[in-house]
Amino acid sequence: MGLEEVTHSVSIGIALGLFLGKQVGIFGCYWLAVKLGMAKLPSQMSWWYLYGTAALCGIGFIMSLFIGSLAFEQTEVHSFFDERLGIIIGSLFSGVLGYLMLRKSLPHQITV
């Protein structure tokens, strides 16, 4: 594996779709629903907590693999490796960002 596989347009597109697309879609729709008065932010929940949860939603192996296999099955492009690499990178970044955001936003509990 080299830099060419990591920077391939299929890998980058899938990674950005999982990483940015889920965050923008989930957080953006909930934000819009709250601003339009259709929903209410639950008590003891901050926008940072909601954003961390939306970031975690970018972890998506099974459906991403299924859709990717359907999308590239009939083409002449052999991007099987590129598609899986993009899924791994997008899911990894989403998991790390979601973990960091939730760790920062959730109250620390003291265990005895």
N, C-alpha and C. Protein backbone atom coordinates (compact mmCIF):
# COMPACT_ATOMS: atom_id res chain seq x y z
N MET A 1 0.85 -1.17 0.00
CA MET A 1 0.00 0.00 0.00
C MET A 1 0.89 1.23 0.00
N GLY A 2 0.54 2.15 -0.82
CA GLY A 2 1.31 3.37 -0.92
C GLY A 2 0.44 4.60 -0.80
N LEU A 3 1.08 5.74 -1.01
CA LEU A 3 0.38 7.01 -0.92
C LEU A 3 -0.68 7.14 -2.01
N GLU A 4 -0.45 6.49 -3.14
CA GLU A 4 -1.41 6.55 -4.25
C GLU A 4 -2.75 5.95 -3.86
N GLU A 5 -2.76 4.84 -3.12
CA GLU A 5 -4.02 4.23 -2.69
C GLU A 5 -4.74 5.09 -1.66
N VAL A 6 -3.97 5.70 -0.76
CA VAL A 6 -4.56 6.52 0.29
C VAL A 6 -5.18 7.78 -0.30
N THR A 7 -4.53 8.37 -1.30
CA THR A 7 -5.02 9.63 -1.88
C THR A 7 -5.89 9.42 -3.12
N HIS A 8 -6.29 8.19 -3.39
CA HIS A 8 -7.17 7.92 -4.53
C HIS A 8 -8.52 8.58 -4.29
N SER A 9 -9.15 9.05 -5.35
CA SER A 9 -10.41 9.79 -5.21
C SER A 9 -11.52 8.96 -4.58
N VAL A 10 -11.53 7.65 -4.83
CA VAL A 10 -12.55 6.79 -4.22
C VAL A 10 -12.34 6.72 -2.71
N SER A 11 -11.10 6.51 -2.29
CA SER A 11 -10.80 6.44 -0.85
C SER A 11 -11.14 7.74 -0.14
N ILE A 12 -10.73 8.84 -0.71
CA ILE A 12 -10.99 10.15 -0.09
C ILE A 12 -12.48 10.45 -0.07
N GLY A 13 -13.18 10.16 -1.14
CA GLY A 13 -14.62 10.41 -1.21
C GLY A 13 -15.40 9.62 -0.16
N ILE A 14 -15.08 8.36 -0.03
CA ILE A 14 -15.78 7.53 0.95
C ILE A 14 -15.42 7.97 2.37
N ALA A 15 -14.15 8.25 2.62
CA ALA A 15 -13.73 8.69 3.96
C ALA A 15 -14.40 10.01 4.35
N LEU A 16 -14.44 10.96 3.43
CA LEU A 16 -15.08 12.24 3.72
C LEU A 16 -16.60 12.09 3.87
N GLY A 17 -17.18 11.20 3.09
CA GLY A 17 -18.61 10.96 3.22
C GLY A 17 -18.98 10.42 4.59
N LEU A 18 -18.19 9.48 5.08
CA LEU A 18 -18.45 8.94 6.42
C LEU A 18 -18.12 9.95 7.50
N PHE A 19 -16.99 10.62 7.35
CA PHE A 19 -16.52 11.52 8.41
C PHE A 19 -17.31 12.83 8.44
N LEU A 20 -17.37 13.54 7.33
CA LEU A 20 -18.05 14.84 7.31
C LEU A 20 -19.55 14.71 7.04
N GLY A 21 -19.92 13.81 6.15
CA GLY A 21 -21.32 13.70 5.76
C GLY A 21 -22.23 13.32 6.91
N LYS A 22 -21.82 12.38 7.72
CA LYS A 22 -22.65 11.99 8.86
C LYS A 22 -22.75 13.11 9.88
N GLN A 23 -21.66 13.80 10.13
CA GLN A 23 -21.68 14.89 11.11
C GLN A 23 -22.59 16.01 10.64
N VAL A 24 -22.42 16.43 9.41
CA VAL A 24 -23.23 17.53 8.87
C VAL A 24 -24.70 17.12 8.81
N GLY A 25 -24.98 15.92 8.34
CA GLY A 25 -26.36 15.47 8.20
C GLY A 25 -27.08 15.31 9.53
N ILE A 26 -26.49 14.60 10.46
CA ILE A 26 -27.15 14.33 11.74
C ILE A 26 -27.20 15.58 12.61
N PHE A 27 -26.05 16.20 12.80
CA PHE A 27 -26.02 17.39 13.66
C PHE A 27 -26.82 18.52 13.02
N GLY A 28 -26.66 18.71 11.72
CA GLY A 28 -27.35 19.79 11.02
C GLY A 28 -28.86 19.64 11.05
N CYS A 29 -29.36 18.43 10.85
CA CYS A 29 -30.81 18.22 10.88
C CYS A 29 -31.37 18.44 12.28
N TYR A 30 -30.65 17.99 13.30
CA TYR A 30 -31.14 18.19 14.66
C TYR A 30 -31.08 19.67 15.03
N TRP A 31 -30.03 20.34 14.66
CA TRP A 31 -29.90 21.77 14.93
C TRP A 31 -31.04 22.54 14.27
N LEU A 32 -31.31 22.20 13.01
CA LEU A 32 -32.39 22.85 12.27
C LEU A 32 -33.75 22.58 12.93
N ALA A 33 -33.97 21.35 13.37
CA ALA A 33 -35.24 21.01 14.03
C ALA A 33 -35.41 21.79 15.33
N VAL A 34 -34.33 21.99 16.08
CA VAL A 34 -34.41 22.77 17.32
C VAL A 34 -34.68 24.23 16.99
N LYS A 35 -33.98 24.78 16.02
CA LYS A 35 -34.16 26.18 15.67
C LYS A 35 -35.55 26.47 15.09
N LEU A 36 -36.15 25.51 14.41
CA LEU A 36 -37.49 25.68 13.87
C LEU A 36 -38.58 25.37 14.89
N GLY A 37 -38.20 24.92 16.08
CA GLY A 37 -39.16 24.62 17.13
C GLY A 37 -39.81 23.26 17.01
N MET A 38 -39.29 22.41 16.14
CA MET A 38 -39.85 21.07 15.96
C MET A 38 -39.34 20.08 17.01
N ALA A 39 -38.23 20.38 17.63
CA ALA A 39 -37.63 19.51 18.63
C ALA A 39 -37.01 20.39 19.72
N LYS A 40 -36.64 19.76 20.80
CA LYS A 40 -36.04 20.47 21.91
C LYS A 40 -34.80 19.71 22.36
N LEU A 41 -33.75 20.42 22.67
CA LEU A 41 -32.54 19.79 23.19
C LEU A 41 -32.84 19.26 24.59
N PRO A 42 -32.64 17.98 24.83
CA PRO A 42 -32.94 17.42 26.15
C PRO A 42 -32.15 18.11 27.26
N SER A 43 -32.74 18.13 28.45
CA SER A 43 -32.04 18.74 29.58
C SER A 43 -30.79 17.93 29.87
N GLN A 44 -29.80 18.57 30.38
CA GLN A 44 -28.49 18.00 30.70
C GLN A 44 -27.75 17.51 29.46
N MET A 45 -28.13 17.98 28.29
CA MET A 45 -27.43 17.62 27.06
C MET A 45 -26.94 18.90 26.41
N SER A 46 -25.68 18.92 26.07
CA SER A 46 -25.12 20.11 25.43
C SER A 46 -24.99 19.87 23.92
N TRP A 47 -24.75 20.96 23.21
CA TRP A 47 -24.52 20.84 21.77
C TRP A 47 -23.24 20.06 21.50
N TRP A 48 -22.25 20.16 22.37
CA TRP A 48 -21.00 19.42 22.20
C TRP A 48 -21.24 17.92 22.32
N TYR A 49 -22.10 17.54 23.26
CA TYR A 49 -22.44 16.14 23.44
C TYR A 49 -23.14 15.60 22.19
N LEU A 50 -24.07 16.38 21.66
CA LEU A 50 -24.77 15.99 20.45
C LEU A 50 -23.81 15.88 19.26
N TYR A 51 -22.88 16.82 19.16
CA TYR A 51 -21.91 16.78 18.07
C TYR A 51 -21.01 15.54 18.17
N GLY A 52 -20.58 15.20 19.39
CA GLY A 52 -19.78 13.98 19.58
C GLY A 52 -20.54 12.73 19.18
N THR A 53 -21.81 12.70 19.50
CA THR A 53 -22.65 11.57 19.11
C THR A 53 -22.81 11.50 17.59
N ALA A 54 -22.98 12.64 16.96
CA ALA A 54 -23.10 12.68 15.49
C ALA A 54 -21.79 12.22 14.84
N ALA A 55 -20.67 12.58 15.44
CA ALA A 55 -19.37 12.14 14.90
C ALA A 55 -19.24 10.63 14.99
N LEU A 56 -19.69 10.04 16.09
CA LEU A 56 -19.62 8.59 16.25
C LEU A 56 -20.46 7.86 15.20
N CYS A 57 -21.48 8.50 14.70
CA CYS A 57 -22.33 7.88 13.68
C CYS A 57 -21.59 7.66 12.36
N GLY A 58 -20.42 8.27 12.21
CA GLY A 58 -19.63 8.06 11.01
C GLY A 58 -18.93 6.71 10.98
N ILE A 59 -19.03 5.97 12.08
CA ILE A 59 -18.47 4.61 12.09
C ILE A 59 -19.48 3.73 11.38
N GLY A 60 -19.15 3.32 10.18
CA GLY A 60 -20.13 2.57 9.41
C GLY A 60 -19.47 1.56 8.50
N PHE A 61 -19.29 0.34 8.99
CA PHE A 61 -18.63 -0.67 8.18
C PHE A 61 -19.60 -1.44 7.30
N ILE A 62 -20.62 -2.02 7.88
CA ILE A 62 -21.44 -3.00 7.17
C ILE A 62 -22.17 -2.39 5.98
N MET A 63 -22.93 -1.33 6.20
CA MET A 63 -23.67 -0.72 5.09
C MET A 63 -22.73 -0.09 4.07
N SER A 64 -21.62 0.47 4.54
CA SER A 64 -20.66 1.06 3.61
C SER A 64 -20.05 0.00 2.70
N LEU A 65 -19.73 -1.15 3.27
CA LEU A 65 -19.18 -2.24 2.46
C LEU A 65 -20.22 -2.75 1.46
N PHE A 66 -21.46 -2.86 1.91
CA PHE A 66 -22.53 -3.34 1.05
C PHE A 66 -22.78 -2.39 -0.11
N ILE A 67 -22.95 -1.11 0.19
CA ILE A 67 -23.21 -0.11 -0.85
C ILE A 67 -22.01 0.01 -1.79
N GLY A 68 -20.80 -0.01 -1.22
CA GLY A 68 -19.60 0.07 -2.05
C GLY A 68 -19.48 -1.10 -3.00
N SER A 69 -19.79 -2.30 -2.52
CA SER A 69 -19.71 -3.46 -3.40
C SER A 69 -20.75 -3.38 -4.51
N LEU A 70 -21.94 -2.85 -4.20
CA LEU A 70 -22.95 -2.69 -5.24
C LEU A 70 -22.56 -1.61 -6.25
N ALA A 71 -21.99 -0.53 -5.76
CA ALA A 71 -21.66 0.60 -6.63
C ALA A 71 -20.56 0.26 -7.62
N PHE A 72 -19.57 -0.49 -7.19
CA PHE A 72 -18.41 -0.74 -8.04
C PHE A 72 -18.43 -2.12 -8.69
N GLU A 73 -19.48 -2.87 -8.49
CA GLU A 73 -19.56 -4.22 -9.02
C GLU A 73 -19.61 -4.24 -10.55
N GLN A 74 -20.37 -3.34 -11.15
CA GLN A 74 -20.59 -3.35 -12.59
C GLN A 74 -19.61 -2.46 -13.36
N THR A 75 -18.70 -1.79 -12.66
CA THR A 75 -17.78 -0.89 -13.35
C THR A 75 -16.49 -1.61 -13.70
N GLU A 76 -15.72 -0.99 -14.53
CA GLU A 76 -14.42 -1.53 -14.90
C GLU A 76 -13.34 -1.11 -13.91
N VAL A 77 -13.71 -0.27 -12.96
CA VAL A 77 -12.75 0.22 -11.98
C VAL A 77 -12.56 -0.83 -10.91
N HIS A 78 -11.33 -1.18 -10.65
CA HIS A 78 -11.02 -2.16 -9.61
C HIS A 78 -10.62 -1.41 -8.35
N SER A 79 -11.59 -0.86 -7.70
CA SER A 79 -11.32 -0.03 -6.52
C SER A 79 -11.76 -0.72 -5.24
N PHE A 80 -11.73 -2.06 -5.24
CA PHE A 80 -12.12 -2.83 -4.06
C PHE A 80 -11.28 -2.42 -2.86
N PHE A 81 -9.97 -2.29 -3.08
CA PHE A 81 -9.08 -1.90 -1.99
C PHE A 81 -9.30 -0.45 -1.60
N ASP A 82 -9.49 0.43 -2.59
CA ASP A 82 -9.71 1.85 -2.32
C ASP A 82 -10.98 2.07 -1.51
N GLU A 83 -12.01 1.33 -1.85
CA GLU A 83 -13.29 1.49 -1.15
C GLU A 83 -13.15 1.07 0.32
N ARG A 84 -12.52 -0.04 0.58
CA ARG A 84 -12.35 -0.50 1.97
C ARG A 84 -11.39 0.40 2.75
N LEU A 85 -10.39 0.90 2.10
CA LEU A 85 -9.46 1.82 2.76
C LEU A 85 -10.19 3.10 3.17
N GLY A 86 -11.03 3.63 2.29
CA GLY A 86 -11.81 4.82 2.62
C GLY A 86 -12.75 4.58 3.79
N ILE A 87 -13.38 3.41 3.84
CA ILE A 87 -14.28 3.07 4.94
C ILE A 87 -13.51 3.00 6.25
N ILE A 88 -12.35 2.38 6.23
CA ILE A 88 -11.54 2.26 7.45
C ILE A 88 -11.06 3.63 7.92
N ILE A 89 -10.58 4.46 7.01
CA ILE A 89 -10.08 5.79 7.38
C ILE A 89 -11.21 6.66 7.91
N GLY A 90 -12.34 6.71 7.21
CA GLY A 90 -13.47 7.52 7.66
C GLY A 90 -14.02 7.07 9.00
N SER A 91 -14.13 5.76 9.20
CA SER A 91 -14.64 5.23 10.46
C SER A 91 -13.66 5.48 11.60
N LEU A 92 -12.37 5.35 11.32
CA LEU A 92 -11.36 5.59 12.35
C LEU A 92 -11.37 7.05 12.80
N PHE A 93 -11.37 7.97 11.85
CA PHE A 93 -11.41 9.39 12.20
C PHE A 93 -12.69 9.76 12.94
N SER A 94 -13.82 9.19 12.50
CA SER A 94 -15.10 9.46 13.17
C SER A 94 -15.08 8.95 14.61
N GLY A 95 -14.54 7.75 14.81
CA GLY A 95 -14.46 7.18 16.14
C GLY A 95 -13.57 7.98 17.07
N VAL A 96 -12.43 8.40 16.57
CA VAL A 96 -11.50 9.19 17.40
C VAL A 96 -12.11 10.55 17.75
N LEU A 97 -12.67 11.24 16.76
CA LEU A 97 -13.28 12.55 17.03
C LEU A 97 -14.46 12.41 17.98
N GLY A 98 -15.33 11.42 17.76
CA GLY A 98 -16.47 11.20 18.64
C GLY A 98 -16.04 10.91 20.06
N TYR A 99 -15.03 10.08 20.22
CA TYR A 99 -14.52 9.76 21.56
C TYR A 99 -13.98 11.01 22.25
N LEU A 100 -13.18 11.79 21.54
CA LEU A 100 -12.60 12.99 22.14
C LEU A 100 -13.68 14.01 22.51
N MET A 101 -14.67 14.19 21.64
CA MET A 101 -15.73 15.15 21.92
C MET A 101 -16.58 14.71 23.11
N LEU A 102 -16.91 13.43 23.18
CA LEU A 102 -17.72 12.95 24.30
C LEU A 102 -16.92 12.94 25.60
N ARG A 103 -15.65 12.62 25.52
CA ARG A 103 -14.81 12.65 26.72
C ARG A 103 -14.73 14.07 27.28
N LYS A 104 -14.66 15.05 26.40
CA LYS A 104 -14.58 16.45 26.84
C LYS A 104 -15.92 16.96 27.35
N SER A 105 -17.01 16.55 26.71
CA SER A 105 -18.32 17.14 27.03
C SER A 105 -19.07 16.43 28.15
N LEU A 106 -18.81 15.16 28.38
CA LEU A 106 -19.53 14.45 29.43
C LEU A 106 -18.95 14.77 30.79
N PRO A 107 -19.80 14.84 31.81
CA PRO A 107 -19.28 15.11 33.15
C PRO A 107 -18.44 13.93 33.63
N HIS A 108 -17.38 14.24 34.34
CA HIS A 108 -16.50 13.19 34.87
C HIS A 108 -17.13 12.61 36.12
N GLN A 109 -17.18 11.30 36.19
CA GLN A 109 -17.73 10.63 37.35
C GLN A 109 -16.60 10.11 38.20
N ILE A 110 -16.72 10.26 39.49
CA ILE A 110 -15.70 9.77 40.42
C ILE A 110 -16.19 8.42 40.94
N THR A 111 -15.39 7.39 40.72
CA THR A 111 -15.75 6.07 41.21
C THR A 111 -15.01 5.80 42.51
N VAL A 112 -15.71 5.19 43.43
CA VAL A 112 -15.12 4.89 44.74
C VAL A 112 -14.96 3.42 44.89
